[in-house]
Structure formats: structure tokens, C-alpha cells
């Protein structure tokens, strides 16, 4: 369960994203400055991209250890 500080930080990030996405005009000087000073964060990598590979490797190790033990 995330701590209160983590959830507050995430809430603030979401609020900032919503504020940036709301109808600011592209020629607005403040919007331009904000986009230059605070570019959007890069998208987070999904866990599924590596999870299946790591899970497969773990299962293979388990099978090799079982064969080695003779079970």
C-alpha cells in the first residue's frame, strides 16, 4: 500500500497533467513557457515487458534444480 506521501505526490502529478491538458491555447506565452520548462515525463515502462522473460528464466532455473536433485 503506498504511503500517504507517495499518493500525495502522485495526486499532484495527475493534477499537473490535467492542468497542462486543459484548453491552453498553443500561442499562449505561459503555456509555451510551461512546456519548455516542464516537459511531460517519459512514459513508464510496463512490467509485462520484462516480467514474462524473468518469469520464464525463473521457471527454467527451477526445472534445472529439480532435475539436478532428482525429484
Protein backbone atom coordinates (compact mmCIF):
# COMPACT_ATOMS: atom_id res chain seq x y z
CA UNK A 1 0.00 0.00 0.00
CA UNK A 2 1.52 3.35 -0.95
CA UNK A 3 2.31 5.74 1.79
CA UNK A 4 0.41 8.97 2.15
CA UNK A 5 3.36 10.97 0.79
CA UNK A 6 3.59 8.81 -2.34
CA UNK A 7 -0.13 9.09 -3.03
CA UNK A 8 0.00 12.86 -2.47
CA UNK A 9 2.90 13.16 -4.91
CA UNK A 10 1.04 11.08 -7.49
CA UNK A 11 -2.10 13.18 -6.97
CA UNK A 12 -0.09 16.34 -7.56
CA UNK A 13 1.38 14.84 -10.74
CA UNK A 14 -2.06 13.93 -12.04
CA UNK A 15 -3.35 17.40 -11.23
CA UNK A 16 -0.45 18.96 -13.12
CA UNK A 17 -1.09 16.69 -16.11
CA UNK A 18 -4.77 17.64 -16.15
CA UNK A 19 -3.95 21.33 -15.89
CA UNK A 20 -1.49 21.06 -18.78
CA UNK A 21 -4.01 19.15 -20.89
CA UNK A 22 -6.88 21.58 -20.30
CA UNK A 23 -7.60 24.02 -23.13
CA UNK A 24 -4.49 26.16 -23.01
CA UNK A 25 -4.02 27.91 -26.31
CA UNK A 26 -0.82 26.93 -28.15
CA UNK A 27 0.15 30.56 -28.74
CA UNK A 28 -0.29 31.38 -25.04
CA UNK A 29 3.06 32.56 -23.67
CA UNK A 30 2.53 30.91 -20.29
CA UNK A 31 1.65 27.57 -21.91
CA UNK A 32 4.73 27.78 -24.12
CA UNK A 33 6.97 28.56 -21.14
CA UNK A 34 5.46 25.69 -19.16
CA UNK A 35 6.02 23.19 -21.97
CA UNK A 36 9.65 24.31 -22.30
CA UNK A 37 10.39 24.31 -18.57
CA UNK A 38 8.45 21.22 -17.56
CA UNK A 39 8.27 18.77 -20.45
CA UNK A 40 5.99 15.79 -19.85
CA UNK A 41 7.71 12.86 -18.14
CA UNK A 42 8.61 9.87 -20.30
CA UNK A 43 6.04 7.08 -20.18
CA UNK A 44 6.70 4.40 -17.59
CA UNK A 45 7.83 1.03 -18.89
CA UNK A 46 5.26 -1.68 -18.42
CA UNK A 47 6.12 -4.53 -16.11
CA UNK A 48 4.87 -7.05 -18.64
CA UNK A 49 7.75 -6.19 -20.99
CA UNK A 50 10.23 -7.90 -18.66
CA UNK A 51 8.03 -9.88 -16.31
CA UNK A 52 7.36 -12.78 -18.69
CA UNK A 53 11.07 -13.07 -19.57
CA UNK A 54 12.13 -13.07 -15.92
CA UNK A 55 9.35 -15.49 -15.02
CA UNK A 56 10.42 -17.84 -17.81
CA UNK A 57 14.05 -17.72 -16.66
CA UNK A 58 12.99 -18.42 -13.06
CA UNK A 59 10.90 -21.41 -14.14
CA UNK A 60 13.77 -22.78 -16.21
CA UNK A 61 16.12 -22.49 -13.21
CA UNK A 62 13.58 -24.27 -11.02
CA UNK A 63 13.30 -27.12 -13.52
CA UNK A 64 17.09 -27.46 -13.80
CA UNK A 65 17.44 -27.56 -10.00
CA UNK A 66 14.72 -30.22 -9.73
CA UNK A 67 16.43 -32.36 -12.37
CA UNK A 68 19.77 -31.96 -10.60
CA UNK A 69 18.24 -33.04 -7.28
CA UNK A 70 16.49 -35.96 -8.96
CA UNK A 71 12.94 -35.03 -7.89
